[in-house]
Amino acid sequence: MTFDPDAVAAAVEEVRRIIRADGGDLVLVDADPSTLRISLAVALDDVTCAECGLPPDQLEETIAAAIARRVRGEFELVVADPRR
């Protein structure tokens, strides 16, 4: 099974709005349909309080749920979060 990278990008955009509200950003690094791996990076460069946003585990759950609404089947989610 593979997934549509455009569907992944739409899900990431949905979650980006949440992170941008706190001054951060979420970057789609790679969405590889052949390996089913989705790699993202949390950017907190302009955030004055990195711990004020969603905690890393909750953020990852939110991202996974947004992707699962658009992508059928299994996928591996890798989130590089500087708070970890």
PDB file of N, CA and C in Angstrom:
ATOM      1  N   MET A   1       0.840  -1.172   0.000  1.00  0.00           N
ATOM      2  CA  MET A   1       0.000   0.000   0.000  1.00  0.00           C
ATOM      3  C   MET A   1       0.893   1.246   0.000  1.00  0.00           C
ATOM      4  N   THR A   2       0.473   2.264  -0.708  1.00  0.00           N
ATOM      5  CA  THR A   2       1.179   3.545  -0.715  1.00  0.00           C
ATOM      6  C   THR A   2       0.200   4.648  -0.330  1.00  0.00           C
ATOM      7  N   PHE A   3       0.708   5.832  -0.154  1.00  0.00           N
ATOM      8  CA  PHE A   3      -0.161   6.962   0.157  1.00  0.00           C
ATOM      9  C   PHE A   3       0.139   8.110  -0.795  1.00  0.00           C
ATOM     10  N   ASP A   4      -0.761   9.051  -0.841  1.00  0.00           N
ATOM     11  CA  ASP A   4      -0.640  10.216  -1.699  1.00  0.00           C
ATOM     12  C   ASP A   4       0.106  11.315  -0.928  1.00  0.00           C
ATOM     13  N   PRO A   5       1.285  11.722  -1.384  1.00  0.00           N
ATOM     14  CA  PRO A   5       2.026  12.774  -0.695  1.00  0.00           C
ATOM     15  C   PRO A   5       1.237  14.084  -0.572  1.00  0.00           C
ATOM     16  N   ASP A   6       0.343  14.352  -1.512  1.00  0.00           N
ATOM     17  CA  ASP A   6      -0.482  15.568  -1.429  1.00  0.00           C
ATOM     18  C   ASP A   6      -1.448  15.495  -0.248  1.00  0.00           C
ATOM     19  N   ALA A   7      -1.957  14.311   0.044  1.00  0.00           N
ATOM     20  CA  ALA A   7      -2.834  14.131   1.205  1.00  0.00           C
ATOM     21  C   ALA A   7      -2.054  14.349   2.493  1.00  0.00           C
ATOM     22  N   VAL A   8      -0.819  13.890   2.517  1.00  0.00           N
ATOM     23  CA  VAL A   8       0.038  14.100   3.683  1.00  0.00           C
ATOM     24  C   VAL A   8       0.305  15.593   3.860  1.00  0.00           C
ATOM     25  N   ALA A   9       0.607  16.281   2.771  1.00  0.00           N
ATOM     26  CA  ALA A   9       0.881  17.719   2.838  1.00  0.00           C
ATOM     27  C   ALA A   9      -0.336  18.488   3.355  1.00  0.00           C
ATOM     28  N   ALA A  10      -1.527  18.083   2.953  1.00  0.00           N
ATOM     29  CA  ALA A  10      -2.746  18.738   3.432  1.00  0.00           C
ATOM     30  C   ALA A  10      -2.918  18.536   4.941  1.00  0.00           C
ATOM     31  N   ALA A  11      -2.616  17.355   5.423  1.00  0.00           N
ATOM     32  CA  ALA A  11      -2.711  17.076   6.861  1.00  0.00           C
ATOM     33  C   ALA A  11      -1.688  17.897   7.633  1.00  0.00           C
ATOM     34  N   VAL A  12      -0.495  17.992   7.115  1.00  0.00           N
ATOM     35  CA  VAL A  12       0.552  18.780   7.773  1.00  0.00           C
ATOM     36  C   VAL A  12       0.143  20.244   7.829  1.00  0.00           C
ATOM     37  N   GLU A  13      -0.442  20.740   6.762  1.00  0.00           N
ATOM     38  CA  GLU A  13      -0.889  22.139   6.727  1.00  0.00           C
ATOM     39  C   GLU A  13      -1.938  22.399   7.802  1.00  0.00           C
ATOM     40  N   GLU A  14      -2.810  21.433   8.022  1.00  0.00           N
ATOM     41  CA  GLU A  14      -3.833  21.557   9.070  1.00  0.00           C
ATOM     42  C   GLU A  14      -3.185  21.751  10.446  1.00  0.00           C
ATOM     43  N   VAL A  15      -2.171  20.972  10.745  1.00  0.00           N
ATOM     44  CA  VAL A  15      -1.513  21.035  12.052  1.00  0.00           C
ATOM     45  C   VAL A  15      -0.590  22.250  12.135  1.00  0.00           C
ATOM     46  N   ARG A  16      -0.045  22.671  11.015  1.00  0.00           N
ATOM     47  CA  ARG A  16       0.833  23.853  10.997  1.00  0.00           C
ATOM     48  C   ARG A  16       0.140  25.069  11.591  1.00  0.00           C
ATOM     49  N   ARG A  17      -1.149  25.192  11.326  1.00  0.00           N
ATOM     50  CA  ARG A  17      -1.899  26.347  11.838  1.00  0.00           C
ATOM     51  C   ARG A  17      -1.852  26.407  13.354  1.00  0.00           C
ATOM     52  N   ILE A  18      -1.908  25.262  13.990  1.00  0.00           N
ATOM     53  CA  ILE A  18      -1.858  25.201  15.452  1.00  0.00           C
ATOM     54  C   ILE A  18      -0.488  25.659  15.949  1.00  0.00           C
ATOM     55  N   ILE A  19       0.559  25.157  15.329  1.00  0.00           N
ATOM     56  CA  ILE A  19       1.915  25.481  15.758  1.00  0.00           C
ATOM     57  C   ILE A  19       2.261  26.932  15.447  1.00  0.00           C
ATOM     58  N   ARG A  20       1.809  27.417  14.300  1.00  0.00           N
ATOM     59  CA  ARG A  20       2.084  28.804  13.925  1.00  0.00           C
ATOM     60  C   ARG A  20       1.424  29.788  14.885  1.00  0.00           C
ATOM     61  N   ALA A  21       0.310  29.400  15.478  1.00  0.00           N
ATOM     62  CA  ALA A  21      -0.359  30.270  16.448  1.00  0.00           C
ATOM     63  C   ALA A  21       0.547  30.569  17.637  1.00  0.00           C
ATOM     64  N   ASP A  22       1.480  29.661  17.914  1.00  0.00           N
ATOM     65  CA  ASP A  22       2.429  29.841  19.017  1.00  0.00           C
ATOM     66  C   ASP A  22       3.778  30.383  18.531  1.00  0.00           C
ATOM     67  N   GLY A  23       3.879  30.695  17.229  1.00  0.00           N
ATOM     68  CA  GLY A  23       5.117  31.245  16.683  1.00  0.00           C
ATOM     69  C   GLY A  23       6.064  30.227  16.088  1.00  0.00           C
ATOM     70  N   GLY A  24       5.694  28.951  16.127  1.00  0.00           N
ATOM     71  CA  GLY A  24       6.550  27.901  15.573  1.00  0.00           C
ATOM     72  C   GLY A  24       6.115  27.511  14.169  1.00  0.00           C
ATOM     73  N   ASP A  25       6.621  26.417  13.705  1.00  0.00           N
ATOM     74  CA  ASP A  25       6.245  25.912  12.378  1.00  0.00           C
ATOM     75  C   ASP A  25       6.448  24.403  12.343  1.00  0.00           C
ATOM     76  N   LEU A  26       5.793  23.779  11.397  1.00  0.00           N
ATOM     77  CA  LEU A  26       5.928  22.345  11.153  1.00  0.00           C
ATOM     78  C   LEU A  26       6.326  22.180   9.697  1.00  0.00           C
ATOM     79  N   VAL A  27       7.440  21.497   9.468  1.00  0.00           N
ATOM     80  CA  VAL A  27       7.993  21.364   8.129  1.00  0.00           C
ATOM     81  C   VAL A  27       7.899  19.907   7.685  1.00  0.00           C
ATOM     82  N   LEU A  28       7.330  19.702   6.501  1.00  0.00           N
ATOM     83  CA  LEU A  28       7.289  18.374   5.905  1.00  0.00           C
ATOM     84  C   LEU A  28       8.646  18.128   5.254  1.00  0.00           C
ATOM     85  N   VAL A  29       9.430  17.247   5.849  1.00  0.00           N
ATOM     86  CA  VAL A  29      10.773  16.942   5.359  1.00  0.00           C
ATOM     87  C   VAL A  29      10.695  15.949   4.211  1.00  0.00           C
ATOM     88  N   ASP A  30       9.872  14.899   4.385  1.00  0.00           N
ATOM     89  CA  ASP A  30       9.762  13.865   3.355  1.00  0.00           C
ATOM     90  C   ASP A  30       8.497  13.055   3.577  1.00  0.00           C
ATOM     91  N   ALA A  31       7.866  12.666   2.495  1.00  0.00           N
ATOM     92  CA  ALA A  31       6.731  11.748   2.530  1.00  0.00           C
ATOM     93  C   ALA A  31       6.991  10.720   1.429  1.00  0.00           C
ATOM     94  N   ASP A  32       7.539   9.588   1.813  1.00  0.00           N
ATOM     95  CA  ASP A  32       7.977   8.573   0.856  1.00  0.00           C
ATOM     96  C   ASP A  32       6.949   7.452   0.753  1.00  0.00           C
ATOM     97  N   PRO A  33       6.186   7.421  -0.344  1.00  0.00           N
ATOM     98  CA  PRO A  33       5.162   6.383  -0.498  1.00  0.00           C
ATOM     99  C   PRO A  33       5.739   4.969  -0.586  1.00  0.00           C
ATOM    100  N   SER A  34       7.003   4.835  -1.001  1.00  0.00           N
ATOM    101  CA  SER A  34       7.577   3.494  -1.150  1.00  0.00           C
ATOM    102  C   SER A  34       7.941   2.877   0.209  1.00  0.00           C
ATOM    103  N   THR A  35       8.317   3.711   1.180  1.00  0.00           N
ATOM    104  CA  THR A  35       8.674   3.196   2.503  1.00  0.00           C
ATOM    105  C   THR A  35       7.563   3.432   3.530  1.00  0.00           C
ATOM    106  N   LEU A  36       6.556   4.224   3.144  1.00  0.00           N
ATOM    107  CA  LEU A  36       5.447   4.610   4.028  1.00  0.00           C
ATOM    108  C   LEU A  36       5.940   5.437   5.217  1.00  0.00           C
ATOM    109  N   ARG A  37       7.068   6.118   5.036  1.00  0.00           N
ATOM    110  CA  ARG A  37       7.630   6.955   6.101  1.00  0.00           C
ATOM    111  C   ARG A  37       7.326   8.427   5.812  1.00  0.00           C
ATOM    112  N   ILE A  38       6.845   9.102   6.856  1.00  0.00           N
ATOM    113  CA  ILE A  38       6.561  10.527   6.791  1.00  0.00           C
ATOM    114  C   ILE A  38       7.453  11.197   7.830  1.00  0.00           C
ATOM    115  N   SER A  39       8.323  12.087   7.366  1.00  0.00           N
ATOM    116  CA  SER A  39       9.263  12.763   8.256  1.00  0.00           C
ATOM    117  C   SER A  39       8.919  14.243   8.338  1.00  0.00           C
ATOM    118  N   LEU A  40       8.805  14.733   9.575  1.00  0.00           N
ATOM    119  CA  LEU A  40       8.474  16.129   9.822  1.00  0.00           C
ATOM    120  C   LEU A  40       9.479  16.720  10.799  1.00  0.00           C
ATOM    121  N   ALA A  41       9.577  18.037  10.789  1.00  0.00           N
ATOM    122  CA  ALA A  41      10.435  18.740  11.746  1.00  0.00           C
ATOM    123  C   ALA A  41       9.658  19.892  12.358  1.00  0.00           C
ATOM    124  N   VAL A  42       9.773  20.030  13.660  1.00  0.00           N
ATOM    125  CA  VAL A  42       9.169  21.140  14.374  1.00  0.00           C
ATOM    126  C   VAL A  42      10.224  22.245  14.449  1.00  0.00           C
ATOM    127  N   ALA A  43       9.859  23.445  13.985  1.00  0.00           N
ATOM    128  CA  ALA A  43      10.763  24.594  14.026  1.00  0.00           C
ATOM    129  C   ALA A  43      10.269  25.565  15.090  1.00  0.00           C
ATOM    130  N   LEU A  44      11.122  25.862  16.044  1.00  0.00           N
ATOM    131  CA  LEU A  44      10.748  26.738  17.149  1.00  0.00           C
ATOM    132  C   LEU A  44      11.651  27.974  17.216  1.00  0.00           C
ATOM    133  N   ASP A  45      12.210  28.375  16.091  1.00  0.00           N
ATOM    134  CA  ASP A  45      13.157  29.483  16.037  1.00  0.00           C
ATOM    135  C   ASP A  45      12.587  30.800  16.561  1.00  0.00           C
ATOM    136  N   ASP A  46      11.318  31.101  16.263  1.00  0.00           N
ATOM    137  CA  ASP A  46      10.717  32.376  16.650  1.00  0.00           C
ATOM    138  C   ASP A  46       9.795  32.258  17.863  1.00  0.00           C
ATOM    139  N   VAL A  47       9.932  31.171  18.598  1.00  0.00           N
ATOM    140  CA  VAL A  47       9.078  30.935  19.757  1.00  0.00           C
ATOM    141  C   VAL A  47       9.795  31.421  21.017  1.00  0.00           C
ATOM    142  N   THR A  48       9.109  32.245  21.807  1.00  0.00           N
ATOM    143  CA  THR A  48       9.715  32.738  23.041  1.00  0.00           C
ATOM    144  C   THR A  48       9.567  31.736  24.176  1.00  0.00           C
ATOM    145  N   CYS A  49       8.551  30.878  24.102  1.00  0.00           N
ATOM    146  CA  CYS A  49       8.314  29.877  25.141  1.00  0.00           C
ATOM    147  C   CYS A  49       8.048  28.536  24.464  1.00  0.00           C
ATOM    148  N   ALA A  50       9.103  27.757  24.264  1.00  0.00           N
ATOM    149  CA  ALA A  50       8.975  26.478  23.549  1.00  0.00           C
ATOM    150  C   ALA A  50       8.035  25.511  24.252  1.00  0.00           C
ATOM    151  N   GLU A  51       7.945  25.583  25.563  1.00  0.00           N
ATOM    152  CA  GLU A  51       7.099  24.655  26.314  1.00  0.00           C
ATOM    153  C   GLU A  51       5.644  25.121  26.402  1.00  0.00           C
ATOM    154  N   CYS A  52       5.344  26.304  25.857  1.00  0.00           N
ATOM    155  CA  CYS A  52       3.971  26.837  25.938  1.00  0.00           C
ATOM    156  C   CYS A  52       3.030  26.187  24.919  1.00  0.00           C
ATOM    157  N   GLY A  53       3.569  25.610  23.858  1.00  0.00           N
ATOM    158  CA  GLY A  53       2.745  24.956  22.842  1.00  0.00           C
ATOM    159  C   GLY A  53       2.394  23.542  23.260  1.00  0.00           C
ATOM    160  N   LEU A  54       1.827  22.792  22.329  1.00  0.00           N
ATOM    161  CA  LEU A  54       1.489  21.399  22.602  1.00  0.00           C
ATOM    162  C   LEU A  54       2.743  20.618  23.000  1.00  0.00           C
ATOM    163  N   PRO A  55       2.664  19.810  24.050  1.00  0.00           N
ATOM    164  CA  PRO A  55       3.807  18.962  24.416  1.00  0.00           C
ATOM    165  C   PRO A  55       4.142  18.009  23.267  1.00  0.00           C
ATOM    166  N   PRO A  56       5.401  17.594  23.138  1.00  0.00           N
ATOM    167  CA  PRO A  56       5.816  16.747  22.012  1.00  0.00           C
ATOM    168  C   PRO A  56       4.930  15.517  21.773  1.00  0.00           C
ATOM    169  N   ASP A  57       4.584  14.780  22.826  1.00  0.00           N
ATOM    170  CA  ASP A  57       3.761  13.577  22.632  1.00  0.00           C
ATOM    171  C   ASP A  57       2.372  13.920  22.111  1.00  0.00           C
ATOM    172  N   GLN A  58       1.778  14.966  22.662  1.00  0.00           N
ATOM    173  CA  GLN A  58       0.442  15.382  22.218  1.00  0.00           C
ATOM    174  C   GLN A  58       0.488  15.930  20.797  1.00  0.00           C
ATOM    175  N   LEU A  59       1.538  16.650  20.475  1.00  0.00           N
ATOM    176  CA  LEU A  59       1.702  17.165  19.119  1.00  0.00           C
ATOM    177  C   LEU A  59       1.815  16.020  18.125  1.00  0.00           C
ATOM    178  N   GLU A  60       2.608  15.003  18.464  1.00  0.00           N
ATOM    179  CA  GLU A  60       2.770  13.856  17.569  1.00  0.00           C
ATOM    180  C   GLU A  60       1.446  13.114  17.385  1.00  0.00           C
ATOM    181  N   GLU A  61       0.666  12.979  18.443  1.00  0.00           N
ATOM    182  CA  GLU A  61      -0.657  12.349  18.335  1.00  0.00           C
ATOM    183  C   GLU A  61      -1.578  13.166  17.435  1.00  0.00           C
ATOM    184  N   THR A  62      -1.529  14.480  17.559  1.00  0.00           N
ATOM    185  CA  THR A  62      -2.357  15.361  16.731  1.00  0.00           C
ATOM    186  C   THR A  62      -1.974  15.240  15.264  1.00  0.00           C
ATOM    187  N   ILE A  63      -0.676  15.210  15.000  1.00  0.00           N
ATOM    188  CA  ILE A  63      -0.191  15.052  13.624  1.00  0.00           C
ATOM    189  C   ILE A  63      -0.621  13.703  13.060  1.00  0.00           C
ATOM    190  N   ALA A  64      -0.418  12.637  13.822  1.00  0.00           N
ATOM    191  CA  ALA A  64      -0.778  11.293  13.359  1.00  0.00           C
ATOM    192  C   ALA A  64      -2.275  11.201  13.061  1.00  0.00           C
ATOM    193  N   ALA A  65      -3.105  11.805  13.907  1.00  0.00           N
ATOM    194  CA  ALA A  65      -4.552  11.770  13.692  1.00  0.00           C
ATOM    195  C   ALA A  65      -4.936  12.531  12.427  1.00  0.00           C
ATOM    196  N   ALA A  66      -4.311  13.686  12.198  1.00  0.00           N
ATOM    197  CA  ALA A  66      -4.606  14.473  10.996  1.00  0.00           C
ATOM    198  C   ALA A  66      -4.217  13.704   9.737  1.00  0.00           C
ATOM    199  N   ILE A  67      -3.077  13.028   9.777  1.00  0.00           N
ATOM    200  CA  ILE A  67      -2.642  12.233   8.618  1.00  0.00           C
ATOM    201  C   ILE A  67      -3.565  11.032   8.434  1.00  0.00           C
ATOM    202  N   ALA A  68      -3.922  10.362   9.519  1.00  0.00           N
ATOM    203  CA  ALA A  68      -4.775   9.162   9.430  1.00  0.00           C
ATOM    204  C   ALA A  68      -6.149   9.488   8.843  1.00  0.00           C
ATOM    205  N   ARG A  69      -6.613  10.708   9.010  1.00  0.00           N
ATOM    206  CA  ARG A  69      -7.906  11.096   8.409  1.00  0.00           C
ATOM    207  C   ARG A  69      -7.815  11.168   6.893  1.00  0.00           C
ATOM    208  N   ARG A  70      -6.604  11.317   6.362  1.00  0.00           N
ATOM    209  CA  ARG A  70      -6.431  11.486   4.917  1.00  0.00           C
ATOM    210  C   ARG A  70      -5.711  10.325   4.240  1.00  0.00           C
ATOM    211  N   VAL A  71      -5.011   9.525   5.025  1.00  0.00           N
ATOM    212  CA  VAL A  71      -4.206   8.427   4.479  1.00  0.00           C
ATOM    213  C   VAL A  71      -4.734   7.114   5.024  1.00  0.00           C
ATOM    214  N   ARG A  72      -5.064   6.208   4.145  1.00  0.00           N
ATOM    215  CA  ARG A  72      -5.534   4.879   4.554  1.00  0.00           C
ATOM    216  C   ARG A  72      -4.354   3.957   4.792  1.00  0.00           C
ATOM    217  N   GLY A  73      -4.459   3.144   5.815  1.00  0.00           N
ATOM    218  CA  GLY A  73      -3.429   2.144   6.057  1.00  0.00           C
ATOM    219  C   GLY A  73      -2.332   2.632   6.979  1.00  0.00           C
ATOM    220  N   GLU A  74      -1.294   1.816   7.054  1.00  0.00           N
ATOM    221  CA  GLU A  74      -0.184   2.059   7.967  1.00  0.00           C
ATOM    222  C   GLU A  74       0.791   3.078   7.381  1.00  0.00           C
ATOM    223  N   PHE A  75       1.437   3.810   8.269  1.00  0.00           N
ATOM    224  CA  PHE A  75       2.534   4.687   7.888  1.00  0.00           C
ATOM    225  C   PHE A  75       3.423   4.870   9.115  1.00  0.00           C
ATOM    226  N   GLU A  76       4.669   5.197   8.858  1.00  0.00           N
ATOM    227  CA  GLU A  76       5.603   5.481   9.950  1.00  0.00           C
ATOM    228  C   GLU A  76       5.768   6.990  10.043  1.00  0.00           C
ATOM    229  N   LEU A  77       5.546   7.541  11.214  1.00  0.00           N
ATOM    230  CA  LEU A  77       5.675   8.974  11.428  1.00  0.00           C
ATOM    231  C   LEU A  77       6.929   9.253  12.242  1.00  0.00           C
ATOM    232  N   VAL A  78       7.791  10.113  11.703  1.00  0.00           N
ATOM    233  CA  VAL A  78       9.010  10.524  12.385  1.00  0.00           C
ATOM    234  C   VAL A  78       8.933  12.040  12.550  1.00  0.00           C
ATOM    235  N   VAL A  79       8.927  12.495  13.807  1.00  0.00           N
ATOM    236  CA  VAL A  79       8.830  13.926  14.082  1.00  0.00           C
ATOM    237  C   VAL A  79      10.089  14.371  14.834  1.00  0.00           C
ATOM    238  N   ALA A  80      10.883  15.217  14.202  1.00  0.00           N
ATOM    239  CA  ALA A  80      12.059  15.779  14.856  1.00  0.00           C
ATOM    240  C   ALA A  80      11.610  17.027  15.609  1.00  0.00           C
ATOM    241  N   ASP A  81      11.580  16.923  16.923  1.00  0.00           N
ATOM    242  CA  ASP A  81      11.113  18.009  17.781  1.00  0.00           C
ATOM    243  C   ASP A  81      12.282  18.396  18.695  1.00  0.00           C
ATOM    244  N   PRO A  82      12.765  19.630  18.629  1.00  0.00           N
ATOM    245  CA  PRO A  82      13.931  20.017  19.422  1.00  0.00           C
ATOM    246  C   PRO A  82      13.685  19.964  20.943  1.00  0.00           C
ATOM    247  N   ARG A  83      12.445  19.820  21.361  1.00  0.00           N
ATOM    248  CA  ARG A  83      12.148  19.736  22.786  1.00  0.00           C
ATOM    249  C   ARG A  83      12.386  18.340  23.337  1.00  0.00           C
ATOM    250  N   ARG A  84      12.669  17.384  22.490  1.00  0.00           N
ATOM    251  CA  ARG A  84      12.913  16.001  22.948  1.00  0.00           C
ATOM    252  C   ARG A  84      14.367  15.751  23.191  1.00  0.00           C
TER     253      ARG A  84
END
